[in-house]
Amino acid sequence: MTAKTFVTVATIDQVPAGSKKVVEVAGTEIVLCHSKDRIFAVRNLCSHASEKLDGGQMKAGWIACPVHGARFRLETGEAMNPPAVRPIETYEVLIDGDEIQVAV
């Protein structure tokens, strides 16, 4: 089993409550989402239409695809409604001081 490597991708002040920020880690776009007093990290790609999620609505622990409205739980990536049925990829987040780190 390989140990996770955490990479610093932003600072807390760059992702205020209720906002999103796109970062790139090892060639993959990840959306940092500050929702429900937590920072979540999900791949910036809808599992249904392969559209970017950063332009979608985010509320109460979920993010929606801006194209067809499929919603996904930020904590688990689980698809909440059609047309999406597959989850999106999520990443473990670690807060170290004011740094946001994502496991890769």
C-alpha atoms as a PDB file:
ATOM      1  CA  MET A   1       0.000   0.000   0.000  1.00  0.00           C
ATOM      2  CA  THR A   2       1.401   3.388  -0.952  1.00  0.00           C
ATOM      3  CA  ALA A   3       1.314   6.339   1.416  1.00  0.00           C
ATOM      4  CA  LYS A   4      -0.685   9.337   0.287  1.00  0.00           C
ATOM      5  CA  THR A   5       1.195  12.436  -0.695  1.00  0.00           C
ATOM      6  CA  PHE A   6      -0.419  15.740   0.210  1.00  0.00           C
ATOM      7  CA  VAL A   7       0.259  18.690  -2.079  1.00  0.00           C
ATOM      8  CA  THR A   8      -0.366  22.320  -1.098  1.00  0.00           C
ATOM      9  CA  VAL A   9      -2.765  23.793  -3.664  1.00  0.00           C
ATOM     10  CA  ALA A  10      -4.115  27.008  -2.092  1.00  0.00           C
ATOM     11  CA  THR A  11      -4.545  28.959   1.121  1.00  0.00           C
ATOM     12  CA  ILE A  12      -7.723  29.226   3.177  1.00  0.00           C
ATOM     13  CA  ASP A  13      -8.214  32.898   2.260  1.00  0.00           C
ATOM     14  CA  GLN A  14      -8.252  31.966  -1.458  1.00  0.00           C
ATOM     15  CA  VAL A  15     -11.413  29.867  -0.972  1.00  0.00           C
ATOM     16  CA  PRO A  16     -13.863  31.875   1.173  1.00  0.00           C
ATOM     17  CA  ALA A  17     -17.046  30.249   2.495  1.00  0.00           C
ATOM     18  CA  GLY A  18     -19.505  29.540  -0.325  1.00  0.00           C
ATOM     19  CA  SER A  19     -16.884  29.771  -3.071  1.00  0.00           C
ATOM     20  CA  LYS A  20     -14.990  27.448  -5.434  1.00  0.00           C
ATOM     21  CA  LYS A  21     -11.460  27.539  -6.802  1.00  0.00           C
ATOM     22  CA  VAL A  22      -9.972  25.453  -9.608  1.00  0.00           C
ATOM     23  CA  VAL A  23      -6.447  24.155  -9.070  1.00  0.00           C
ATOM     24  CA  GLU A  24      -4.304  21.741 -11.057  1.00  0.00           C
ATOM     25  CA  VAL A  25      -2.509  18.800  -9.489  1.00  0.00           C
ATOM     26  CA  ALA A  26      -0.377  16.482 -11.619  1.00  0.00           C
ATOM     27  CA  GLY A  27      -2.241  17.529 -14.776  1.00  0.00           C
ATOM     28  CA  THR A  28      -5.724  17.045 -13.255  1.00  0.00           C
ATOM     29  CA  GLU A  29      -8.142  19.923 -12.644  1.00  0.00           C
ATOM     30  CA  ILE A  30      -9.602  19.837  -9.143  1.00  0.00           C
ATOM     31  CA  VAL A  31     -12.308  22.101  -7.733  1.00  0.00           C
ATOM     32  CA  LEU A  32     -11.870  23.194  -4.136  1.00  0.00           C
ATOM     33  CA  CYS A  33     -15.335  23.822  -2.671  1.00  0.00           C
ATOM     34  CA  HIS A  34     -15.907  25.643   0.620  1.00  0.00           C
ATOM     35  CA  SER A  35     -19.310  24.388   1.746  1.00  0.00           C
ATOM     36  CA  LYS A  36     -20.824  23.524   5.133  1.00  0.00           C
ATOM     37  CA  ASP A  37     -17.773  24.932   6.982  1.00  0.00           C
ATOM     38  CA  ARG A  38     -15.423  22.492   5.206  1.00  0.00           C
ATOM     39  CA  ILE A  39     -13.156  22.455   2.192  1.00  0.00           C
ATOM     40  CA  PHE A  40     -13.870  19.624  -0.237  1.00  0.00           C
ATOM     41  CA  ALA A  41     -11.899  18.648  -3.350  1.00  0.00           C
ATOM     42  CA  VAL A  42     -13.471  16.998  -6.398  1.00  0.00           C
ATOM     43  CA  ARG A  43     -12.313  16.383  -9.927  1.00  0.00           C
ATOM     44  CA  ASN A  44     -13.555  19.138 -12.230  1.00  0.00           C
ATOM     45  CA  LEU A  45     -15.453  16.697 -14.435  1.00  0.00           C
ATOM     46  CA  CYS A  46     -19.074  15.550 -14.467  1.00  0.00           C
ATOM     47  CA  SER A  47     -19.391  11.767 -14.616  1.00  0.00           C
ATOM     48  CA  HIS A  48     -22.379  12.020 -16.961  1.00  0.00           C
ATOM     49  CA  ALA A  49     -21.427  14.538 -19.626  1.00  0.00           C
ATOM     50  CA  SER A  50     -17.686  15.086 -19.061  1.00  0.00           C
ATOM     51  CA  GLU A  51     -18.410  18.787 -18.507  1.00  0.00           C
ATOM     52  CA  LYS A  52     -16.495  20.981 -16.066  1.00  0.00           C
ATOM     53  CA  LEU A  53     -18.218  21.333 -12.695  1.00  0.00           C
ATOM     54  CA  ASP A  54     -16.656  24.628 -11.602  1.00  0.00           C
ATOM     55  CA  GLY A  55     -19.356  26.603 -13.461  1.00  0.00           C
ATOM     56  CA  GLY A  56     -22.145  24.787 -11.626  1.00  0.00           C
ATOM     57  CA  GLN A  57     -24.122  25.733  -8.559  1.00  0.00           C
ATOM     58  CA  MET A  58     -22.810  24.658  -5.157  1.00  0.00           C
ATOM     59  CA  LYS A  59     -24.934  24.480  -1.993  1.00  0.00           C
ATOM     60  CA  ALA A  60     -25.293  22.563   1.269  1.00  0.00           C
ATOM     61  CA  GLY A  61     -22.624  19.960   0.519  1.00  0.00           C
ATOM     62  CA  TRP A  62     -23.295  19.357  -3.182  1.00  0.00           C
ATOM     63  CA  ILE A  63     -22.181  20.659  -6.577  1.00  0.00           C
ATOM     64  CA  ALA A  64     -24.231  20.574  -9.784  1.00  0.00           C
ATOM     65  CA  CYS A  65     -23.190  20.150 -13.390  1.00  0.00           C
ATOM     66  CA  PRO A  66     -23.997  23.393 -15.236  1.00  0.00           C
ATOM     67  CA  VAL A  67     -25.141  21.497 -18.354  1.00  0.00           C
ATOM     68  CA  HIS A  68     -27.751  18.951 -17.224  1.00  0.00           C
ATOM     69  CA  GLY A  69     -28.117  19.753 -13.515  1.00  0.00           C
ATOM     70  CA  ALA A  70     -26.836  16.460 -12.131  1.00  0.00           C
ATOM     71  CA  ARG A  71     -25.851  16.969  -8.490  1.00  0.00           C
ATOM     72  CA  PHE A  72     -23.027  15.256  -6.616  1.00  0.00           C
ATOM     73  CA  ARG A  73     -22.248  15.028  -2.884  1.00  0.00           C
ATOM     74  CA  LEU A  74     -18.995  16.843  -2.209  1.00  0.00           C
ATOM     75  CA  GLU A  75     -17.975  14.470   0.581  1.00  0.00           C
ATOM     76  CA  THR A  76     -18.442  11.179  -1.275  1.00  0.00           C
ATOM     77  CA  GLY A  77     -18.817  12.106  -4.955  1.00  0.00           C
ATOM     78  CA  GLU A  78     -22.113  10.169  -5.041  1.00  0.00           C
ATOM     79  CA  ALA A  79     -24.524  11.115  -7.846  1.00  0.00           C
ATOM     80  CA  MET A  80     -27.707  12.496  -6.279  1.00  0.00           C
ATOM     81  CA  ASN A  81     -30.013  12.680  -9.303  1.00  0.00           C
ATOM     82  CA  PRO A  82     -30.285  11.792 -13.011  1.00  0.00           C
ATOM     83  CA  PRO A  83     -28.963  12.032 -15.573  1.00  0.00           C
ATOM     84  CA  ALA A  84     -25.791  11.145 -13.636  1.00  0.00           C
ATOM     85  CA  VAL A  85     -25.582   7.663 -12.127  1.00  0.00           C
ATOM     86  CA  ARG A  86     -21.826   7.319 -11.559  1.00  0.00           C
ATOM     87  CA  PRO A  87     -19.956   9.200  -8.801  1.00  0.00           C
ATOM     88  CA  ILE A  88     -17.319  11.847  -9.384  1.00  0.00           C
ATOM     89  CA  GLU A  89     -13.784  11.522  -8.079  1.00  0.00           C
ATOM     90  CA  THR A  90     -13.094  13.075  -4.666  1.00  0.00           C
ATOM     91  CA  TYR A  91      -9.795  13.848  -2.965  1.00  0.00           C
ATOM     92  CA  GLU A  92      -8.838  13.868   0.693  1.00  0.00           C
ATOM     93  CA  VAL A  93      -8.186  17.387   2.023  1.00  0.00           C
ATOM     94  CA  LEU A  94      -5.848  18.367   4.842  1.00  0.00           C
ATOM     95  CA  ILE A  95      -5.685  21.847   6.352  1.00  0.00           C
ATOM     96  CA  ASP A  96      -2.206  22.665   7.660  1.00  0.00           C
ATOM     97  CA  GLY A  97      -2.172  26.132   9.215  1.00  0.00           C
ATOM     98  CA  ASP A  98      -3.571  28.322   6.433  1.00  0.00           C
ATOM     99  CA  GLU A  99      -2.607  25.891   3.630  1.00  0.00           C
ATOM    100  CA  ILE A 100      -5.080  23.635   1.821  1.00  0.00           C
ATOM    101  CA  GLN A 101      -3.482  20.338   0.857  1.00  0.00           C
ATOM    102  CA  VAL A 102      -4.943  17.635  -1.385  1.00  0.00           C
ATOM    103  CA  ALA A 103      -3.955  13.953  -1.390  1.00  0.00           C
ATOM    104  CA  VAL A 104      -2.662  12.662  -4.707  1.00  0.00           C
END
